[in-house]
Structure formats: C-alpha cells, structure tokens
C-alpha cells in the first residue's frame, strides 16, 4: 500500500500508526486484495481495507479473459464506491460503515468498518434454517430500504450475471431452448412493476454472522436496480442442495415476505404477488448464466433444470 493511502487511513481513523494484521482475501482475477489493518491509539482496533489495483495481465480463473469482463470488473468497483458514498447510509439492513473512499491513478481504496469487531465475527460454509432465515430477513430489509429508487451511479440492472453483460456465456450455451428463451426471461425480470436495489452477489460467503443470530452483508460491487427475487434465488442456491431447495421453497418465500412487509411503510400485496411469481424466473435466469459460464458447476442440478423448463414452458 502506498504512503498516500496509508496517510488516508491514519487520518480517517485517528490512529497514530497502522499495520497489516491479515489478508482476508485476494480480489477476483487479481484485481487487488482485502486486508484487515490493525490500528494503534484509535477508537477501534482494526478496519477492513479493500485495495483495488487493476492488473497489467488479466487472469480469470475460468479463462474468461475478455475486455467485456475487464470493463465489468472496473465498473463494479466504481459502482461499489458510488454505493458507499451515496446510498449505504439509507440501508435498514446492517452493513459496514464506510470510513474513507480514495482513488489514485488506477487504484481505489475503501476503508470499512471491521464487522468482526462490531459483533459479526462468524463466517459460515453451512447453515441451519435459523441462519438462512436471518439472511432472508437481511435481504428483505435491504430491499425495503430502496423500493422505487433510481440506481444513479450504480448498475442500471443489478447482479453480475444479467444477460446484457454476459454475451459470451450466452454464445457458448448449449441448451438451445434456454438460449432462445434467455432474452424473454431477462425482459420479464427487468420490466417488473416493483423494483428495488438488489445486492447482486448475495451468496452465503458475503454474510457475516453474530453469535446470537443477526447478520450483516458485505461486497456491493454489483448492486443495482431490479426485482428482489434475484437476490433470494441466488442466495438460496448458494447454501441449499436441490432437495432442500424444492422442499423448502414455500417456506423460503414466506420467511422473506414477512420481514419485507414489516419493513415497508405499508403492506403491498401487489408487490408480493408479482415477486412471488418471479422467484422461479429469477432462478432460471441465473441457471442460464451458470450453464454457459461453467457447464459442470455443482449448482446445476435437477431442481434447477426442472424449474427452468417450467419457466420456459410458461413464457
């Protein structure tokens, strides 16, 4: 980290000195890293620093080294900066406070509250139903916070897999019926009456858990406009197997819509009716991306295939 960025962290946190405690993770395809920075003589013991450095040589782990992919990633960091700068304070759902945002040449620095120190130290690879319900409540509160808002400076269409940004994956998709239906599925989601901001990458790995139940969300590179069902379907696919996805489908939606209605200023039955009808459409939309991007992926299963076939037949 350069001296300018170090000085920004010291200034914004009031620390007398800082040191790197640990690297949390490298950013996808070598675009930088997320580190936990320890602070001395500051109100908090540590902060999380997201340091984006655009690589000289693109190195996508699945071989998608295209200019479209590069531009999508570059924009994603611009979107995340805009999100923290303009919108994040309006979220009812818990997320890290942004302490500083700085850019210099082709580098971006985001200094964020350390959620470990704020009471959310746990990361989960597997979850019980109570923990799934906590994440669905988080998504409901997040979506309720931005209903009807225009995503200026964010992705016009949220999520990293939406059709417009994935032409190469569509081109190599071997499922001909799904390929032909892709644009209609995409349009059905994008033209829904009720829209909000979606998180856009609401997988289990992007939730931080407290010991006593509540959760906080992180990673807002793909936040943008859309139907909340995109986040719900994607999240469920990240933590349940195909049998549980099918068995718990009604319970999943009931568990999400209860907190959503409670978080809104007044009940909106029309929104709930529309979004419930789009849950499987959102599932089919992500399935389309996945089959083109990584045909052997573990998330491609009989439930996803069956749901997608039903959606295509209903169009």
Protein backbone atom coordinates (compact mmCIF):
# COMPACT_ATOMS: atom_id res chain seq x y z
CA UNK A 1 0.00 0.00 0.00
CA UNK A 2 1.42 3.40 -0.96
CA UNK A 3 2.14 6.15 1.55
CA UNK A 4 -0.76 8.31 0.39
CA UNK A 5 -3.27 5.57 1.13
CA UNK A 6 -1.62 4.86 4.48
CA UNK A 7 -1.96 8.54 5.39
CA UNK A 8 -5.65 8.49 4.47
CA UNK A 9 -6.30 5.53 6.79
CA UNK A 10 -4.46 7.23 9.65
CA UNK A 11 -6.29 10.49 9.09
CA UNK A 12 -9.77 8.97 8.87
CA UNK A 13 -9.35 6.63 11.85
CA UNK A 14 -7.31 8.94 14.10
CA UNK A 15 -4.70 6.21 14.59
CA UNK A 16 -1.08 7.02 15.36
CA UNK A 17 0.16 4.06 13.32
CA UNK A 18 -1.13 1.02 11.44
CA UNK A 19 -0.03 -2.47 10.47
CA UNK A 20 -1.39 -5.26 8.29
CA UNK A 21 -2.94 -7.92 10.53
CA UNK A 22 -4.03 -10.38 7.86
CA UNK A 23 -5.07 -10.72 4.27
CA UNK A 24 -8.75 -11.62 4.19
CA UNK A 25 -8.82 -12.48 0.50
CA UNK A 26 -7.48 -11.59 -2.90
CA UNK A 27 -9.99 -9.95 -5.22
CA UNK A 28 -11.31 -11.98 -8.14
CA UNK A 29 -8.89 -12.35 -11.06
CA UNK A 30 -6.03 -10.49 -9.37
CA UNK A 31 -7.69 -7.08 -9.07
CA UNK A 32 -6.31 -6.33 -5.61
CA UNK A 33 -6.95 -7.56 -2.09
CA UNK A 34 -8.97 -7.12 1.07
CA UNK A 35 -6.90 -6.83 4.25
CA UNK A 36 -7.54 -6.32 7.94
CA UNK A 37 -5.47 -3.39 9.17
CA UNK A 38 -4.61 -3.04 12.83
CA UNK A 39 -4.62 0.45 14.37
CA UNK A 40 -2.73 1.91 17.30
CA UNK A 41 -4.22 4.62 19.54
CA UNK A 42 -7.52 4.69 17.64
CA UNK A 43 -11.16 4.29 18.80
CA UNK A 44 -11.29 0.88 17.11
CA UNK A 45 -8.66 -1.85 16.99
CA UNK A 46 -8.90 -2.51 13.26
CA UNK A 47 -10.52 -1.64 9.94
CA UNK A 48 -11.03 -3.61 6.74
CA UNK A 49 -9.33 -2.15 3.69
CA UNK A 50 -10.38 -3.02 0.16
CA UNK A 51 -7.46 -2.07 -2.08
CA UNK A 52 -8.25 -2.32 -5.79
CA UNK A 53 -5.31 -2.40 -8.22
CA UNK A 54 -6.10 -3.04 -11.85
CA UNK A 55 -3.81 -5.82 -13.14
CA UNK A 56 -1.45 -5.47 -16.08
CA UNK A 57 -2.32 -9.00 -17.17
CA UNK A 58 -5.87 -10.24 -16.78
CA UNK A 59 -6.03 -13.71 -15.24
CA UNK A 60 -9.55 -15.04 -14.89
CA UNK A 61 -9.63 -18.38 -13.05
CA UNK A 62 -12.06 -19.89 -15.57
CA UNK A 63 -10.37 -18.44 -18.64
CA UNK A 64 -12.83 -15.60 -19.38
CA UNK A 65 -10.08 -13.05 -20.09
CA UNK A 66 -12.09 -10.63 -22.23
CA UNK A 67 -12.29 -6.88 -22.44
CA UNK A 68 -16.00 -7.12 -21.56
CA UNK A 69 -15.07 -8.96 -18.37
CA UNK A 70 -12.37 -6.41 -17.55
CA UNK A 71 -14.69 -3.45 -18.08
CA UNK A 72 -17.38 -5.15 -15.99
CA UNK A 73 -14.95 -5.51 -13.09
CA UNK A 74 -13.67 -1.94 -13.42
CA UNK A 75 -17.22 -0.64 -13.37
CA UNK A 76 -18.06 -2.87 -10.40
CA UNK A 77 -15.52 -1.04 -8.23
CA UNK A 78 -16.83 2.32 -9.43
CA UNK A 79 -20.33 1.15 -8.51
CA UNK A 80 -19.23 0.00 -5.06
CA UNK A 81 -17.61 3.38 -4.39
CA UNK A 82 -20.79 5.17 -5.51
CA UNK A 83 -22.86 2.83 -3.35
CA UNK A 84 -20.92 3.61 -0.18
CA UNK A 85 -20.70 7.30 -0.99
CA UNK A 86 -24.35 7.90 -1.86
CA UNK A 87 -26.68 5.11 -0.74
CA UNK A 88 -25.27 2.91 2.01
CA UNK A 89 -26.39 5.11 4.92
CA UNK A 90 -30.02 4.56 3.93
CA UNK A 91 -29.96 0.80 4.48
CA UNK A 92 -32.02 -0.63 7.33
CA UNK A 93 -30.10 -3.89 6.85
CA UNK A 94 -26.76 -3.98 8.69
CA UNK A 95 -23.65 -3.38 6.61
CA UNK A 96 -20.19 -1.91 7.25
CA UNK A 97 -19.82 1.82 7.69
CA UNK A 98 -17.54 3.35 5.07
CA UNK A 99 -14.82 5.47 6.71
CA UNK A 100 -12.96 6.61 3.59
CA UNK A 101 -13.00 6.37 -0.20
CA UNK A 102 -10.00 7.43 -2.25
CA UNK A 103 -8.77 6.91 -5.80
CA UNK A 104 -5.30 7.48 -7.23
CA UNK A 105 -4.46 6.66 -10.84
CA UNK A 106 -5.72 3.09 -11.35
CA UNK A 107 -6.05 2.27 -7.65
CA UNK A 108 -9.06 2.51 -5.34
CA UNK A 109 -9.02 2.48 -1.54
CA UNK A 110 -12.10 1.69 0.55
CA UNK A 111 -11.71 1.85 4.33
CA UNK A 112 -14.56 -0.01 6.00
CA UNK A 113 -15.73 -0.80 9.50
CA UNK A 114 -14.40 -4.16 10.68
CA UNK A 115 -17.56 -6.19 11.23
CA UNK A 116 -15.62 -8.70 13.35
CA UNK A 117 -15.06 -6.00 15.95
CA UNK A 118 -18.65 -4.81 15.58
CA UNK A 119 -20.05 -8.17 16.72
CA UNK A 120 -20.29 -10.13 13.47
CA UNK A 121 -17.20 -12.35 13.60
CA UNK A 122 -18.58 -15.59 12.15
CA UNK A 123 -18.45 -16.81 8.54
CA UNK A 124 -20.45 -19.90 7.59
CA UNK A 125 -19.92 -22.60 5.00
CA UNK A 126 -23.05 -24.47 6.04
CA UNK A 127 -26.13 -23.02 7.73
CA UNK A 128 -29.11 -24.12 9.79
CA UNK A 129 -32.60 -22.93 8.90
CA UNK A 130 -32.43 -20.19 11.58
CA UNK A 131 -29.37 -18.74 9.88
CA UNK A 132 -30.98 -18.92 6.45
CA UNK A 133 -33.97 -17.06 7.89
CA UNK A 134 -31.65 -14.36 9.27
CA UNK A 135 -30.13 -13.85 5.82
CA UNK A 136 -33.58 -13.73 4.18
CA UNK A 137 -34.59 -11.11 6.75
CA UNK A 138 -31.48 -9.10 5.87
CA UNK A 139 -32.37 -9.24 2.19
CA UNK A 140 -35.95 -8.21 2.93
CA UNK A 141 -34.78 -5.20 4.97
CA UNK A 142 -32.26 -4.28 2.31
CA UNK A 143 -34.84 -4.40 -0.47
CA UNK A 144 -37.39 -2.47 1.57
CA UNK A 145 -34.83 0.30 2.07
CA UNK A 146 -34.62 1.09 -1.65
CA UNK A 147 -38.04 0.33 -3.13
CA UNK A 148 -38.79 2.58 -6.07
CA UNK A 149 -35.39 4.31 -6.06
CA UNK A 150 -33.43 5.02 -9.22
CA UNK A 151 -29.93 3.47 -9.22
CA UNK A 152 -27.98 6.52 -10.36
CA UNK A 153 -24.28 5.69 -10.43
CA UNK A 154 -25.00 2.01 -9.78
CA UNK A 155 -25.73 -0.79 -12.23
CA UNK A 156 -28.94 0.00 -14.05
CA UNK A 157 -29.63 -3.73 -13.81
CA UNK A 158 -28.08 -5.25 -10.69
CA UNK A 159 -26.30 -8.66 -10.38
CA UNK A 160 -23.14 -9.82 -12.10
CA UNK A 161 -24.89 -12.36 -14.34
CA UNK A 162 -27.59 -10.35 -16.10
CA UNK A 163 -27.86 -11.01 -19.80
CA UNK A 164 -26.55 -7.74 -21.23
CA UNK A 165 -23.15 -8.19 -19.56
CA UNK A 166 -22.82 -11.89 -20.47
CA UNK A 167 -22.90 -12.24 -24.27
CA UNK A 168 -20.01 -14.70 -24.43
CA UNK A 169 -21.57 -17.06 -21.90
CA UNK A 170 -24.82 -16.96 -23.89
CA UNK A 171 -23.00 -17.63 -27.15
CA UNK A 172 -21.49 -20.89 -25.86
CA UNK A 173 -24.65 -22.07 -24.06
CA UNK A 174 -25.50 -25.49 -25.50
CA UNK A 175 -29.06 -25.65 -24.07
CA UNK A 176 -30.87 -24.37 -27.17
CA UNK A 177 -34.29 -23.91 -25.55
CA UNK A 178 -32.80 -21.88 -22.73
CA UNK A 179 -30.68 -19.90 -25.17
CA UNK A 180 -33.75 -18.94 -27.19
CA UNK A 181 -35.72 -18.04 -24.05
CA UNK A 182 -32.92 -16.06 -22.38
CA UNK A 183 -33.97 -12.63 -23.66
CA UNK A 184 -37.62 -13.17 -22.69
CA UNK A 185 -36.65 -14.32 -19.19
CA UNK A 186 -34.38 -11.29 -18.83
CA UNK A 187 -37.10 -8.92 -20.02
CA UNK A 188 -39.67 -10.45 -17.68
CA UNK A 189 -37.43 -9.65 -14.70
CA UNK A 190 -36.36 -6.21 -15.91
CA UNK A 191 -39.86 -4.98 -16.70
CA UNK A 192 -41.47 -5.91 -13.40
CA UNK A 193 -43.66 -3.19 -11.89
CA UNK A 194 -41.96 -3.12 -8.48
CA UNK A 195 -38.23 -2.59 -8.39
CA UNK A 196 -35.66 -2.01 -5.71
CA UNK A 197 -31.88 -2.19 -5.39
CA UNK A 198 -30.59 -5.75 -5.39
CA UNK A 199 -27.35 -6.68 -3.65
CA UNK A 200 -26.28 -8.51 -6.79
CA UNK A 201 -23.95 -11.08 -5.20
CA UNK A 202 -25.86 -12.23 -2.11
CA UNK A 203 -24.14 -15.57 -1.66
CA UNK A 204 -23.58 -17.12 1.75
CA UNK A 205 -19.91 -16.04 1.74
CA UNK A 206 -20.99 -12.39 1.72
CA UNK A 207 -22.82 -12.60 5.05
CA UNK A 208 -21.18 -12.07 8.44
CA UNK A 209 -22.92 -13.69 11.40
CA UNK A 210 -23.22 -12.65 15.04
CA UNK A 211 -23.13 -15.25 17.80
CA UNK A 212 -26.76 -14.54 18.72
CA UNK A 213 -28.42 -14.60 15.31
CA UNK A 214 -28.31 -11.30 13.36
CA UNK A 215 -26.29 -10.94 10.17
CA UNK A 216 -24.56 -8.18 8.23
CA UNK A 217 -23.90 -8.07 4.48
CA UNK A 218 -20.74 -7.12 2.58
CA UNK A 219 -19.48 -6.69 -1.01
CA UNK A 220 -21.57 -4.23 -3.02
CA UNK A 221 -19.85 -4.35 -6.42
CA UNK A 222 -22.96 -5.49 -8.25
CA UNK A 223 -25.69 -3.53 -6.50
CA UNK A 224 -28.24 -2.05 -8.88
CA UNK A 225 -31.85 -1.96 -9.94
CA UNK A 226 -34.12 -4.98 -10.18
CA UNK A 227 -36.52 -7.45 -8.66
CA UNK A 228 -35.64 -8.65 -5.16
CA UNK A 229 -36.22 -12.27 -6.18
CA UNK A 230 -32.85 -12.23 -7.98
CA UNK A 231 -31.07 -11.99 -4.62
CA UNK A 232 -33.34 -14.50 -2.92
CA UNK A 233 -33.00 -17.20 -5.58
CA UNK A 234 -29.24 -16.69 -5.83
CA UNK A 235 -28.76 -16.79 -2.07
CA UNK A 236 -30.77 -19.99 -1.65
CA UNK A 237 -28.82 -21.64 -4.45
CA UNK A 238 -25.60 -20.83 -2.60
CA UNK A 239 -26.47 -22.71 0.59
CA UNK A 240 -29.07 -25.45 -0.02
CA UNK A 241 -28.94 -28.65 -2.01
CA UNK A 242 -31.54 -29.41 -4.67
CA UNK A 243 -33.80 -31.47 -2.39
CA UNK A 244 -33.91 -28.71 0.23
CA UNK A 245 -34.46 -26.03 -2.43
CA UNK A 246 -37.59 -27.84 -3.54
CA UNK A 247 -38.85 -28.95 -0.13
CA UNK A 248 -38.44 -25.53 1.46
CA UNK A 249 -39.49 -23.32 -1.45
CA UNK A 250 -42.79 -22.12 0.06
CA UNK A 251 -41.19 -21.66 3.47
CA UNK A 252 -38.34 -19.65 1.94
CA UNK A 253 -40.72 -17.21 0.29
CA UNK A 254 -42.94 -16.88 3.38
CA UNK A 255 -39.85 -16.23 5.52
CA UNK A 256 -38.69 -13.49 3.15
CA UNK A 257 -42.01 -11.74 2.55
CA UNK A 258 -42.94 -11.49 6.23
CA UNK A 259 -39.99 -9.21 7.10
CA UNK A 260 -40.33 -7.39 3.77
CA UNK A 261 -43.92 -6.40 4.52
CA UNK A 262 -42.96 -5.42 8.07
CA UNK A 263 -40.11 -3.23 6.80
CA UNK A 264 -42.27 -1.33 4.32
CA UNK A 265 -44.28 1.72 5.37
CA UNK A 266 -47.47 -0.12 4.48
CA UNK A 267 -48.32 -3.59 3.22
CA UNK A 268 -48.08 -4.08 -0.52
CA UNK A 269 -49.91 -7.20 -1.60
CA UNK A 270 -49.46 -6.42 -5.30
CA UNK A 271 -45.68 -6.35 -4.91
CA UNK A 272 -45.68 -9.65 -3.07
CA UNK A 273 -47.89 -11.30 -5.69
CA UNK A 274 -45.68 -10.09 -8.52
CA UNK A 275 -42.39 -11.02 -6.88
CA UNK A 276 -43.58 -14.47 -5.77
CA UNK A 277 -44.42 -15.19 -9.41
CA UNK A 278 -40.89 -14.14 -10.42
CA UNK A 279 -38.94 -16.30 -7.95
CA UNK A 280 -38.61 -19.21 -10.38
CA UNK A 281 -37.98 -16.81 -13.27
CA UNK A 282 -35.04 -15.38 -11.34
CA UNK A 283 -33.83 -18.93 -10.68
CA UNK A 284 -33.98 -19.73 -14.42
CA UNK A 285 -32.13 -16.50 -15.22
CA UNK A 286 -29.14 -17.43 -13.04
CA UNK A 287 -29.27 -21.01 -14.35
CA UNK A 288 -28.87 -19.61 -17.89
CA UNK A 289 -25.69 -17.79 -16.88
CA UNK A 290 -24.28 -20.75 -14.99
CA UNK A 291 -24.78 -23.26 -17.83
CA UNK A 292 -22.89 -21.00 -20.22
CA UNK A 293 -20.18 -19.93 -17.78
CA UNK A 294 -19.38 -23.28 -16.14
CA UNK A 295 -21.40 -26.20 -17.53
CA UNK A 296 -20.06 -28.61 -14.90
CA UNK A 297 -20.82 -26.39 -11.90
CA UNK A 298 -22.22 -28.11 -8.79
CA UNK A 299 -25.21 -25.75 -8.69
CA UNK A 300 -26.53 -27.18 -11.96
CA UNK A 301 -28.94 -29.83 -10.72
CA UNK A 302 -32.26 -31.49 -11.42
CA UNK A 303 -34.24 -28.88 -9.45
CA UNK A 304 -32.72 -26.02 -11.46
CA UNK A 305 -33.30 -27.88 -14.72
CA UNK A 306 -36.92 -28.63 -13.84
CA UNK A 307 -37.66 -25.08 -12.64
CA UNK A 308 -36.09 -23.62 -15.78
CA UNK A 309 -38.07 -25.95 -18.06
CA UNK A 310 -41.32 -24.93 -16.31
CA UNK A 311 -40.43 -21.24 -16.70
CA UNK A 312 -39.65 -21.66 -20.40
CA UNK A 313 -42.93 -23.54 -20.98
CA UNK A 314 -44.87 -20.76 -19.24
CA UNK A 315 -43.48 -17.91 -21.34
